[in-house]
Amino acid sequence: PAPPYPAQPATGIVTKCRVIRVLDGDTVEVAIVRTCRIRLLQCWAPETHGPDKVQGLVSKANLEALVAAQPEAILFVPLETDLTKATSLSRVLGYVWLQGAEQSINQSQVAGGFATAAKPREKPAE
């Protein structure tokens, strides 16, 4: 099982940000001083290409709807002693809370059924 979602926020990098773009159901771009891609932790959405394209596009549309009304947000990047663990595939790993929200968009995507908290198992090749 996935660990519990963090309360807003604990130790790590914390900064105000603005959600400027939704890339798919589990990745957003936020503007801080410069734009960076945030891979939402504990949020695994279907991809927007390949066999899961339809579900991926539905997940992306839900995330777009979440941030459209309130793009002002708080970004929390948990840090370990090794800073290289804070990135994956040129994306910063983190949690994003829209201003005034009780839960992160990571958690909202999972709660709404648009993503899972744990990485899905790989499908066997046919």
Protein backbone atom coordinates (compact mmCIF):
# COMPACT_ATOMS: atom_id res chain seq x y z
CA PRO A 1 0.00 0.00 0.00
CA ALA A 2 1.06 3.56 -0.67
CA PRO A 3 2.17 5.72 2.25
CA PRO A 4 -0.33 8.33 3.49
CA TYR A 5 -0.44 11.67 1.71
CA PRO A 6 1.51 14.35 3.57
CA ALA A 7 -0.20 17.18 5.35
CA GLN A 8 0.53 20.52 3.77
CA PRO A 9 3.64 20.62 3.95
CA ALA A 10 6.46 19.01 5.91
CA THR A 11 10.19 19.45 5.34
CA GLY A 12 11.58 19.95 1.88
CA ILE A 13 11.25 22.70 -0.68
CA VAL A 14 8.03 24.66 -0.27
CA THR A 15 7.12 27.58 -2.50
CA LYS A 16 4.14 29.42 -3.89
CA CYS A 17 3.57 28.59 -7.51
CA ARG A 18 1.03 28.90 -10.29
CA VAL A 19 -0.21 25.89 -12.27
CA ILE A 20 0.21 26.95 -15.89
CA ARG A 21 -0.32 23.73 -17.83
CA VAL A 22 -1.63 20.18 -17.44
CA LEU A 23 0.43 17.65 -19.40
CA ASP A 24 -1.53 14.52 -18.47
CA GLY A 25 -3.40 13.06 -15.52
CA ASP A 26 -0.39 12.99 -13.21
CA THR A 27 1.94 15.77 -14.42
CA VAL A 28 1.54 19.56 -14.30
CA GLU A 29 3.82 22.49 -15.07
CA VAL A 30 4.06 25.19 -12.44
CA ALA A 31 5.68 28.61 -12.61
CA ILE A 32 7.91 29.53 -9.71
CA VAL A 33 10.74 31.73 -10.88
CA ARG A 34 10.87 29.63 -14.00
CA THR A 35 8.68 26.86 -15.37
CA CYS A 36 9.35 23.31 -14.28
CA ARG A 37 7.46 20.06 -14.73
CA ILE A 38 6.10 18.48 -11.57
CA ARG A 39 5.46 14.74 -11.53
CA LEU A 40 2.72 14.36 -8.94
CA LEU A 41 3.82 11.92 -6.24
CA GLN A 42 1.45 9.10 -5.25
CA CYS A 43 -0.59 9.79 -8.39
CA TRP A 44 -0.38 7.30 -11.28
CA ALA A 45 -2.74 8.16 -14.12
CA PRO A 46 -3.17 6.29 -17.40
CA GLU A 47 -0.95 7.60 -20.21
CA THR A 48 -2.43 9.90 -22.85
CA HIS A 49 -1.10 7.69 -25.63
CA GLY A 50 -1.08 3.98 -26.36
CA PRO A 51 -3.71 1.47 -25.23
CA ASP A 52 -4.86 3.58 -22.24
CA LYS A 53 -5.27 6.79 -24.29
CA VAL A 54 -9.02 7.25 -23.65
CA GLN A 55 -8.69 6.86 -19.85
CA GLY A 56 -5.56 9.04 -19.92
CA LEU A 57 -7.36 11.85 -21.71
CA VAL A 58 -10.25 11.66 -19.22
CA SER A 59 -7.76 11.87 -16.34
CA LYS A 60 -5.98 14.81 -17.97
CA ALA A 61 -9.32 16.61 -18.51
CA ASN A 62 -10.19 16.19 -14.84
CA LEU A 63 -6.84 17.63 -13.74
CA GLU A 64 -7.30 20.53 -16.17
CA ALA A 65 -10.73 21.23 -14.63
CA LEU A 66 -9.25 21.15 -11.11
CA VAL A 67 -6.59 23.77 -11.88
CA ALA A 68 -8.65 25.95 -14.26
CA ALA A 69 -10.66 27.61 -11.51
CA GLN A 70 -7.68 28.17 -9.18
CA PRO A 71 -4.18 27.93 -10.67
CA GLU A 72 -2.51 29.62 -7.67
CA ALA A 73 -0.91 26.82 -5.69
CA ILE A 74 1.65 25.63 -3.16
CA LEU A 75 4.36 23.25 -4.37
CA PHE A 76 5.99 20.85 -1.91
CA VAL A 77 9.04 18.84 -3.00
CA PRO A 78 10.07 16.36 -0.30
CA LEU A 79 13.84 16.17 -0.10
CA GLU A 80 16.02 13.28 0.90
CA THR A 81 19.74 13.67 1.52
CA ASP A 82 20.29 12.84 -2.17
CA LEU A 83 18.88 15.64 -4.35
CA THR A 84 18.89 13.36 -7.41
CA LYS A 85 15.92 11.51 -5.87
CA ALA A 86 13.81 14.68 -6.25
CA THR A 87 13.60 14.31 -10.05
CA SER A 88 12.49 11.72 -12.60
CA LEU A 89 12.60 12.02 -16.39
CA SER A 90 13.39 15.76 -16.19
CA ARG A 91 10.44 16.35 -13.85
CA VAL A 92 10.52 17.49 -10.24
CA LEU A 93 8.70 15.03 -7.94
CA GLY A 94 6.22 16.74 -5.67
CA TYR A 95 2.78 17.54 -4.33
CA VAL A 96 0.65 20.53 -5.39
CA TRP A 97 -2.15 22.15 -3.33
CA LEU A 98 -4.39 24.67 -5.07
CA GLN A 99 -4.85 27.78 -2.96
CA GLY A 100 -7.52 27.18 -0.31
CA ALA A 101 -7.76 23.42 -0.95
CA GLU A 102 -7.74 20.90 1.90
CA GLN A 103 -6.06 18.16 -0.14
CA SER A 104 -3.42 18.09 -2.86
CA ILE A 105 -4.35 17.69 -6.52
CA ASN A 106 -2.37 14.44 -6.28
CA GLN A 107 -4.87 13.15 -3.73
CA SER A 108 -7.87 14.61 -5.61
CA GLN A 109 -6.95 12.71 -8.78
CA VAL A 110 -6.74 9.44 -6.82
CA ALA A 111 -9.90 10.11 -4.79
CA GLY A 112 -11.84 10.81 -7.99
CA GLY A 113 -10.68 7.56 -9.61
CA PHE A 114 -8.60 9.36 -12.26
CA ALA A 115 -5.30 7.92 -10.95
CA THR A 116 -4.01 5.38 -8.45
CA ALA A 117 -1.82 6.07 -5.43
CA ALA A 118 0.55 3.21 -6.29
CA LYS A 119 2.22 2.52 -9.61
CA PRO A 120 0.17 0.00 -11.58
CA ARG A 121 1.83 -3.30 -12.38
CA GLU A 122 3.18 -3.70 -15.89
CA LYS A 123 0.81 -5.53 -18.21
CA PRO A 124 2.30 -8.80 -19.50
CA ALA A 125 3.28 -8.81 -23.17
CA GLU A 126 0.91 -10.79 -25.36
